[in-house]
Amino acid sequence: MRKVNDRGDPTWRLSTRLMRAGRAQGRESGAVNPPIQRGSTVLFPDIEALHGPGKSYGLEGFGIHDALTEALADISGATGAVLAPSGLAAVTTALLSFTRAGGEVLVTDSVYAPTRRFCDGLLTRHGVTTRYFDPRIGAGIEAMISPSTQIIFLESPGSLTLEIQDAPAITRIAKARGIATIIDDTWSAGLHFKPFDHGVDVSVQALTKYQAGHADVLLGATLALDPAHVARLKQTVKELGLGCGAAEDAYLTLRGLRTMPLRIERQSASGLAVAEWLSRRPEVARVLHPALASHPDHALFQRDFTGAAGVFSIVLKPVAKARLAAMLDGLALFGLGFSWGGYESLVINCTEQETRKVARWTEPGALLRFSIGLEDPADLIADLDAGFARLAG
């Protein structure tokens, strides 16, 4: 019988591995893709098996979930991946796995707003203190570490404002002090930034974004290099009763992985084209895109990243709210909605979401975040050009 290598080859490049990763399950039935299994109860052949090791209930997933976690671990260089029903659930799983009452977490001040809400809310109520640090602190993080510090949480680039963090400098200090590091690596989708190569202990990804890629899935994952960390993450998910997402969502995400590099390549190129055009507009005060030479962290980006996402922000020069509404409400190709990474372009006005505690946000103009989709960039630029005409009144 002809043998097909579904377990990967270390000499294969990423795109090739993505075509094979997680496909062993489907070979048994002759299908190209692993089958979808739905279920709550798991049946066992005998009493010994019933009380033995292995999965005992549908919350722990089936073959399609295993296929997805295998693929995610492969492309990220992790020992294992643990699914959660959303990106935020993956973040909270990671934080709860490495904290206990009386401890503290150090969190970048550019963090995703729902992560901040969790830290300031439930985590605080459970006796864990959160202190925020400037995303550009680098090795200066050492001065913030206290005997109760249990986690340093990074997000690079920062949510909304796109600061690049000096992850290697931070993780070196954390390891020397025995402190775990977690990074929200959703922007790079595990492709253009390799957290474990830079010393990070746990990577969190919202699979809702680029991995699934079609704005129709809610799913997240935590990944780790240390088997003990993987086991701890699995135990937290089990104890919280979170489950690992619907089988259909796991299937769609695994399917999305096959085309993810192509989609991100296109969206990155289009994003740069739109960002460069915006940088020349008189209405724009700043473009926040780390792949642009004008970005203050561009050197760090070039050092640590191999590519960019199609997500960036701009700061407009001050303008009346009514004029801004006219610009955004009239856009034909940009949806107004949260999330990003799907095939359609999106934009949000996020000025009022800025709740910085350390690295204060002082820009007087509106902050807009763009997620560039798969449309032709020339059409997107034309749509924005018409929007600026409405902005001018």
Protein backbone atom coordinates (compact mmCIF):
# COMPACT_ATOMS: atom_id res chain seq x y z
CA MET A 1 0.00 0.00 0.00
CA ARG A 2 1.29 3.47 -0.90
CA LYS A 3 2.47 5.34 2.20
CA VAL A 4 1.77 9.05 2.62
CA ASN A 5 3.71 11.11 5.16
CA ASP A 6 1.16 12.98 7.25
CA ARG A 7 3.42 13.46 10.24
CA GLY A 8 5.63 16.05 8.65
CA ASP A 9 9.24 16.28 7.62
CA PRO A 10 11.58 18.79 9.28
CA THR A 11 13.03 19.66 5.88
CA TRP A 12 9.66 20.75 4.49
CA ARG A 13 8.91 24.43 4.33
CA LEU A 14 5.92 25.85 6.15
CA SER A 15 3.44 25.89 3.27
CA THR A 16 4.18 22.25 2.53
CA ARG A 17 3.77 21.25 6.16
CA LEU A 18 0.44 23.05 6.28
CA MET A 19 -0.84 20.88 3.44
CA ARG A 20 -0.06 17.72 5.44
CA ALA A 21 -0.48 18.68 9.07
CA GLY A 22 -3.37 17.05 10.88
CA ARG A 23 -4.44 14.83 7.99
CA ALA A 24 -3.63 11.38 9.36
CA GLN A 25 -7.17 11.03 10.73
CA GLY A 26 -8.71 11.21 7.27
CA ARG A 27 -6.50 8.53 5.75
CA GLU A 28 -8.33 5.79 7.61
CA SER A 29 -11.51 6.46 5.64
CA GLY A 30 -9.80 7.40 2.40
CA ALA A 31 -10.91 11.03 2.74
CA VAL A 32 -8.61 13.95 2.03
CA ASN A 33 -9.81 15.75 5.16
CA PRO A 34 -10.42 14.32 8.64
CA PRO A 35 -14.11 13.57 9.28
CA ILE A 36 -16.34 15.57 11.62
CA GLN A 37 -17.45 13.70 14.72
CA ARG A 38 -20.15 15.04 17.04
CA GLY A 39 -20.90 13.68 20.44
CA SER A 40 -21.24 14.14 24.16
CA THR A 41 -20.97 10.57 25.45
CA VAL A 42 -17.89 8.47 24.75
CA LEU A 43 -18.58 4.73 24.75
CA PHE A 44 -16.03 2.23 26.06
CA PRO A 45 -15.69 -1.48 25.29
CA ASP A 46 -15.35 -2.54 28.94
CA ILE A 47 -15.05 -1.36 32.56
CA GLU A 48 -11.26 -1.27 32.45
CA ALA A 49 -11.30 1.09 29.49
CA LEU A 50 -14.10 3.16 31.06
CA HIS A 51 -11.87 4.06 34.01
CA GLY A 52 -8.59 4.07 32.11
CA PRO A 53 -6.57 6.91 30.60
CA GLY A 54 -7.72 8.90 27.60
CA LYS A 55 -10.73 11.02 26.74
CA SER A 56 -13.87 10.30 28.71
CA TYR A 57 -16.36 12.90 27.50
CA GLY A 58 -17.19 15.01 24.46
CA LEU A 59 -15.87 18.19 26.09
CA GLU A 60 -12.38 16.83 25.44
CA GLY A 61 -13.00 16.65 21.72
CA PHE A 62 -12.75 14.04 19.02
CA GLY A 63 -10.47 13.24 16.12
CA ILE A 64 -11.06 16.51 14.28
CA HIS A 65 -9.95 18.47 17.35
CA ASP A 66 -6.83 16.31 17.64
CA ALA A 67 -6.07 16.94 13.98
CA LEU A 68 -6.31 20.70 14.48
CA THR A 69 -4.14 20.79 17.60
CA GLU A 70 -1.56 18.61 15.88
CA ALA A 71 -1.44 21.01 12.95
CA LEU A 72 -1.21 24.09 15.17
CA ALA A 73 1.63 22.62 17.21
CA ASP A 74 3.48 21.65 14.05
CA ILE A 75 3.44 25.08 12.41
CA SER A 76 4.17 26.89 15.70
CA GLY A 77 6.98 24.63 16.87
CA ALA A 78 5.07 23.78 20.05
CA THR A 79 4.99 20.52 21.96
CA GLY A 80 1.22 20.72 22.19
CA ALA A 81 -1.81 22.92 21.62
CA VAL A 82 -4.98 23.20 23.70
CA LEU A 83 -8.22 24.45 22.17
CA ALA A 84 -10.70 26.84 23.78
CA PRO A 85 -14.08 28.05 22.51
CA SER A 86 -12.79 31.56 21.70
CA GLY A 87 -9.61 33.58 21.61
CA LEU A 88 -10.53 35.30 24.87
CA ALA A 89 -11.19 31.91 26.47
CA ALA A 90 -7.68 30.89 25.43
CA VAL A 91 -6.26 34.05 27.05
CA THR A 92 -8.14 33.47 30.30
CA THR A 93 -7.12 29.80 30.31
CA ALA A 94 -3.47 30.79 30.08
CA LEU A 95 -3.73 33.42 32.82
CA LEU A 96 -5.61 31.14 35.20
CA SER A 97 -3.18 28.29 34.60
CA PHE A 98 -0.19 30.21 35.93
CA THR A 99 -1.65 32.40 38.69
CA ARG A 100 -2.85 31.86 42.23
CA ALA A 101 -4.29 34.08 44.92
CA GLY A 102 -1.79 36.52 46.37
CA GLY A 103 0.23 36.78 43.17
CA GLU A 104 0.45 39.41 40.49
CA VAL A 105 0.68 39.57 36.72
CA LEU A 106 2.55 42.17 34.70
CA VAL A 107 0.58 43.02 31.56
CA THR A 108 1.47 45.22 28.62
CA ASP A 109 -0.56 48.43 28.62
CA SER A 110 -1.30 47.90 24.92
CA VAL A 111 -3.20 44.70 25.61
CA TYR A 112 -6.47 43.60 23.97
CA ALA A 113 -9.31 45.36 25.83
CA PRO A 114 -11.21 42.17 26.86
CA THR A 115 -7.96 40.80 28.34
CA ARG A 116 -7.65 43.98 30.40
CA ARG A 117 -11.27 43.61 31.48
CA PHE A 118 -10.60 40.05 32.67
CA CYS A 119 -7.47 41.08 34.58
CA ASP A 120 -9.17 44.05 36.23
CA GLY A 121 -12.32 42.06 36.94
CA LEU A 122 -12.42 38.33 37.60
CA LEU A 123 -8.68 37.92 38.14
CA THR A 124 -8.72 40.71 40.73
CA ARG A 125 -11.72 39.17 42.50
CA HIS A 126 -9.77 35.93 42.76
CA GLY A 127 -6.93 37.64 44.59
CA VAL A 128 -4.51 38.26 41.72
CA THR A 129 -3.20 41.79 41.20
CA THR A 130 -2.49 43.22 37.75
CA ARG A 131 0.11 45.89 37.07
CA TYR A 132 0.53 47.33 33.60
CA PHE A 133 3.81 48.21 31.90
CA ASP A 134 4.78 50.38 28.96
CA PRO A 135 4.86 48.13 25.87
CA ARG A 136 8.27 49.56 24.98
CA ILE A 137 9.77 48.78 28.38
CA GLY A 138 12.11 46.04 27.11
CA ALA A 139 14.76 45.08 29.66
CA GLY A 140 13.33 47.71 31.98
CA ILE A 141 10.75 45.12 32.99
CA GLU A 142 13.23 43.87 35.60
CA ALA A 143 12.58 46.89 37.78
CA MET A 144 8.87 46.03 37.93
CA ILE A 145 9.28 42.42 39.02
CA SER A 146 8.38 41.72 42.64
CA PRO A 147 8.48 38.54 44.75
CA SER A 148 4.78 37.98 43.94
CA THR A 149 5.12 38.28 40.15
CA GLN A 150 3.85 35.08 38.56
CA ILE A 151 3.33 36.00 34.90
CA ILE A 152 4.49 38.56 32.38
CA PHE A 153 1.89 38.93 29.63
CA LEU A 154 2.93 40.34 26.26
CA GLU A 155 1.02 41.23 23.11
CA SER A 156 3.10 42.12 20.10
CA PRO A 157 2.13 44.12 18.16
CA GLY A 158 -0.08 45.83 20.69
CA SER A 159 -3.81 45.77 20.20
CA LEU A 160 -5.03 48.89 18.37
CA THR A 161 -1.75 50.83 18.67
CA LEU A 162 0.66 48.25 17.21
CA GLU A 163 3.74 48.66 19.43
CA ILE A 164 6.36 45.92 18.96
CA GLN A 165 7.70 44.53 22.23
CA ASP A 166 11.27 43.41 22.79
CA ALA A 167 10.22 39.86 23.60
CA PRO A 168 13.74 38.38 23.82
CA ALA A 169 14.84 41.00 26.36
CA ILE A 170 11.74 40.44 28.49
CA THR A 171 11.82 36.64 28.37
CA ARG A 172 15.53 36.47 29.27
CA ILE A 173 14.83 38.39 32.45
CA ALA A 174 11.69 36.37 33.19
CA LYS A 175 13.51 33.05 32.83
CA ALA A 176 16.30 34.21 35.11
CA ARG A 177 13.68 35.03 37.75
CA GLY A 178 11.61 31.87 37.23
CA ILE A 179 8.58 33.75 35.89
CA ALA A 180 6.36 32.39 33.11
CA THR A 181 5.76 34.49 30.01
CA ILE A 182 2.64 34.46 27.85
CA ILE A 183 2.18 36.24 24.54
CA ASP A 184 -0.91 36.97 22.50
CA ASP A 185 0.46 36.05 19.07
CA THR A 186 -2.79 36.42 17.13
CA TRP A 187 -1.44 39.14 14.80
CA SER A 188 1.25 36.87 13.34
CA ALA A 189 -0.93 33.72 13.52
CA GLY A 190 2.19 31.73 14.40
CA LEU A 191 3.61 32.39 10.93
CA HIS A 192 5.69 35.57 11.01
CA PHE A 193 6.75 35.52 14.66
CA LYS A 194 7.94 32.42 16.49
CA PRO A 195 7.33 32.95 20.22
CA PHE A 196 9.24 29.88 21.38
CA ASP A 197 12.33 30.91 19.41
CA HIS A 198 12.25 34.14 21.42
CA GLY A 199 11.94 32.49 24.82
CA VAL A 200 8.18 32.77 25.39
CA ASP A 201 6.61 29.97 27.46
CA VAL A 202 2.99 30.09 26.26
CA SER A 203 1.54 31.43 23.01
CA VAL A 204 -2.12 32.37 22.71
CA GLN A 205 -3.87 32.63 19.35
CA ALA A 206 -7.42 33.62 18.45
CA LEU A 207 -8.08 31.08 15.70
CA THR A 208 -11.17 33.12 14.87
CA LYS A 209 -8.91 35.49 12.96
CA TYR A 210 -6.49 34.36 10.23
CA GLN A 211 -6.57 30.64 10.90
CA ALA A 212 -10.30 30.24 10.27
CA GLY A 213 -10.24 33.29 8.05
CA HIS A 214 -13.89 33.62 7.04
CA ALA A 215 -15.61 35.43 9.95
CA ASP A 216 -17.75 32.40 10.78
CA VAL A 217 -15.85 30.63 13.59
CA LEU A 218 -15.15 31.33 17.26
CA LEU A 219 -12.13 29.37 18.49
CA GLY A 220 -8.86 29.89 20.32
CA ALA A 221 -5.74 27.98 21.28
CA THR A 222 -2.94 28.02 23.82
CA LEU A 223 0.39 26.49 22.79
CA ALA A 224 3.45 25.61 24.84
CA LEU A 225 6.88 24.08 24.44
CA ASP A 226 7.21 22.57 27.91
CA PRO A 227 5.07 19.38 28.24
CA ALA A 228 4.32 20.35 31.85
CA HIS A 229 2.86 23.64 30.65
CA VAL A 230 0.73 21.84 28.05
CA ALA A 231 -0.59 19.52 30.76
CA ARG A 232 -1.40 22.47 33.02
CA LEU A 233 -3.31 24.24 30.24
CA LYS A 234 -5.29 21.09 29.47
CA GLN A 235 -6.17 20.66 33.13
CA THR A 236 -7.40 24.26 33.41
CA VAL A 237 -9.67 23.87 30.38
CA LYS A 238 -11.03 20.63 31.84
CA GLU A 239 -11.63 22.08 35.30
CA LEU A 240 -13.37 25.14 33.88
CA GLY A 241 -15.57 22.97 31.68
CA LEU A 242 -14.76 25.11 28.67
CA GLY A 243 -14.61 22.37 26.09
CA CYS A 244 -12.67 22.69 22.86
CA GLY A 245 -15.21 24.22 20.52
CA ALA A 246 -17.68 22.64 18.12
CA ALA A 247 -16.46 19.93 15.78
CA GLU A 248 -17.62 21.99 12.80
CA ASP A 249 -15.54 24.95 13.98
CA ALA A 250 -12.46 22.77 14.37
CA TYR A 251 -13.03 21.41 10.86
CA LEU A 252 -13.43 24.89 9.34
CA THR A 253 -10.33 26.14 11.13
CA LEU A 254 -8.24 23.19 9.97
CA ARG A 255 -9.46 23.81 6.43
CA GLY A 256 -8.61 27.48 6.80
CA LEU A 257 -5.03 26.64 7.75
CA ARG A 258 -4.41 25.22 4.27
CA THR A 259 -4.91 28.60 2.61
CA MET A 260 -3.78 30.82 5.48
CA PRO A 261 -0.29 31.64 4.11
CA LEU A 262 -1.76 32.69 0.76
CA ARG A 263 -4.44 34.82 2.38
CA ILE A 264 -2.04 36.51 4.77
CA GLU A 265 0.46 37.16 1.98
CA ARG A 266 -2.24 38.91 -0.06
CA GLN A 267 -3.71 40.77 2.90
CA SER A 268 -0.27 41.87 4.07
CA ALA A 269 0.65 43.23 0.64
CA SER A 270 -2.69 45.00 0.30
CA GLY A 271 -2.41 46.32 3.84
CA LEU A 272 0.98 47.85 3.11
CA ALA A 273 -0.33 49.42 -0.10
CA VAL A 274 -3.27 50.98 1.73
CA ALA A 275 -1.09 52.05 4.68
CA GLU A 276 1.44 53.73 2.39
CA TRP A 277 -1.35 55.56 0.58
CA LEU A 278 -2.83 56.69 3.88
CA SER A 279 0.56 57.96 5.04
CA ARG A 280 0.46 60.48 2.19
CA ARG A 281 -3.01 61.80 3.03
CA PRO A 282 -3.12 65.28 4.57
CA GLU A 283 -5.95 64.20 6.89
CA VAL A 284 -3.77 61.53 8.54
CA ALA A 285 -1.48 62.44 11.44
CA ARG A 286 0.17 59.01 11.85
CA VAL A 287 0.06 55.52 10.38
CA LEU A 288 0.72 52.78 12.94
CA HIS A 289 2.08 49.88 10.89
CA PRO A 290 5.28 48.18 12.13
CA ALA A 291 6.34 47.17 8.62
CA LEU A 292 6.64 50.84 7.62
CA ALA A 293 10.04 52.47 8.13
CA SER A 294 8.28 55.36 9.88
CA HIS A 295 7.12 53.13 12.73
CA PRO A 296 9.17 53.71 15.92
CA ASP A 297 9.60 49.95 16.43
CA HIS A 298 10.43 49.11 12.83
CA ALA A 299 13.93 47.88 13.73
CA LEU A 300 12.51 45.43 16.28
CA PHE A 301 9.94 44.30 13.73
CA GLN A 302 12.66 43.60 11.16
CA ARG A 303 14.71 41.71 13.72
CA ASP A 304 11.97 39.47 15.13
CA PHE A 305 9.29 39.17 12.42
CA THR A 306 9.46 37.66 8.94
CA GLY A 307 6.30 39.34 7.66
CA ALA A 308 3.25 41.40 8.55
CA ALA A 309 -0.47 40.98 8.95
CA GLY A 310 -3.04 43.10 7.16
CA VAL A 311 -4.07 44.86 10.39
CA PHE A 312 -2.88 48.36 11.26
CA SER A 313 -4.16 51.65 12.65
CA ILE A 314 -4.07 55.32 11.78
CA VAL A 315 -4.48 58.51 13.77
CA LEU A 316 -6.49 61.20 12.05
CA LYS A 317 -5.95 64.88 12.57
CA PRO A 318 -8.69 66.27 14.83
CA VAL A 319 -12.08 66.45 13.14
CA ALA A 320 -15.69 66.82 14.23
CA LYS A 321 -17.44 63.58 15.18
CA ALA A 322 -20.18 64.19 12.63
CA ARG A 323 -17.62 64.40 9.83
CA LEU A 324 -15.90 61.21 11.01
CA ALA A 325 -19.26 59.44 11.09
CA ALA A 326 -19.98 60.61 7.55
CA MET A 327 -16.65 59.19 6.40
CA LEU A 328 -17.02 55.79 8.05
CA ASP A 329 -20.76 55.26 7.65
CA GLY A 330 -20.55 55.79 3.91
CA LEU A 331 -17.78 53.26 3.20
CA ALA A 332 -18.88 50.62 0.71
CA LEU A 333 -16.09 48.04 1.10
CA PHE A 334 -15.17 48.34 4.77
CA GLY A 335 -17.53 46.75 7.25
CA LEU A 336 -17.92 48.40 10.65
CA GLY A 337 -17.32 45.60 13.09
CA PHE A 338 -15.03 44.10 15.70
CA SER A 339 -12.64 41.21 15.05
CA TRP A 340 -10.40 40.97 12.01
CA GLY A 341 -8.50 38.50 9.82
CA GLY A 342 -11.43 37.48 7.64
CA TYR A 343 -11.68 37.83 3.88
CA GLU A 344 -13.60 41.11 4.13
CA SER A 345 -12.10 44.47 5.05
CA LEU A 346 -13.14 46.08 8.34
CA VAL A 347 -12.60 49.35 10.16
CA ILE A 348 -13.46 50.57 13.65
CA ASN A 349 -13.16 53.89 15.40
CA CYS A 350 -11.40 52.90 18.61
CA THR A 351 -10.43 56.21 20.20
CA GLU A 352 -12.93 55.82 23.03
CA GLN A 353 -11.65 52.32 23.82
CA GLU A 354 -8.27 53.60 24.93
CA THR A 355 -8.02 53.00 28.68
CA ARG A 356 -4.27 53.15 29.17
CA LYS A 357 -2.97 53.25 32.71
CA VAL A 358 0.78 53.68 32.16
CA ALA A 359 1.62 54.49 28.54
CA ARG A 360 -1.00 57.21 28.25
CA TRP A 361 -2.62 57.75 24.87
CA THR A 362 -2.49 61.48 24.16
CA GLU A 363 -3.29 61.72 20.45
CA PRO A 364 -6.08 64.28 19.94
CA GLY A 365 -7.38 62.77 16.71
CA ALA A 366 -9.48 59.67 16.12
CA LEU A 367 -7.75 56.29 16.15
CA LEU A 368 -8.98 53.98 13.37
CA ARG A 369 -8.03 50.32 13.08
CA PHE A 370 -8.15 48.66 9.67
CA SER A 371 -8.26 44.99 8.82
CA ILE A 372 -7.51 44.63 5.12
CA GLY A 373 -9.27 41.77 3.38
CA LEU A 374 -8.93 40.10 0.01
CA GLU A 375 -10.47 42.87 -2.08
CA ASP A 376 -8.37 44.63 -4.71
CA PRO A 377 -6.39 47.31 -2.87
CA ALA A 378 -7.11 49.82 -5.63
CA ASP A 379 -10.82 49.51 -4.88
CA LEU A 380 -10.20 49.88 -1.15
CA ILE A 381 -8.17 53.02 -1.75
CA ALA A 382 -10.90 54.45 -3.97
CA ASP A 383 -13.46 53.77 -1.24
CA LEU A 384 -11.29 55.52 1.34
CA ASP A 385 -10.66 58.42 -1.04
CA ALA A 386 -14.40 58.96 -1.29
CA GLY A 387 -14.57 58.70 2.49
CA PHE A 388 -12.03 61.49 2.92
CA ALA A 389 -14.14 63.65 0.63
CA ARG A 390 -17.06 63.15 3.02
CA LEU A 391 -14.75 63.86 5.95
CA ALA A 392 -13.96 67.24 4.42
CA GLY A 393 -17.66 67.96 4.09
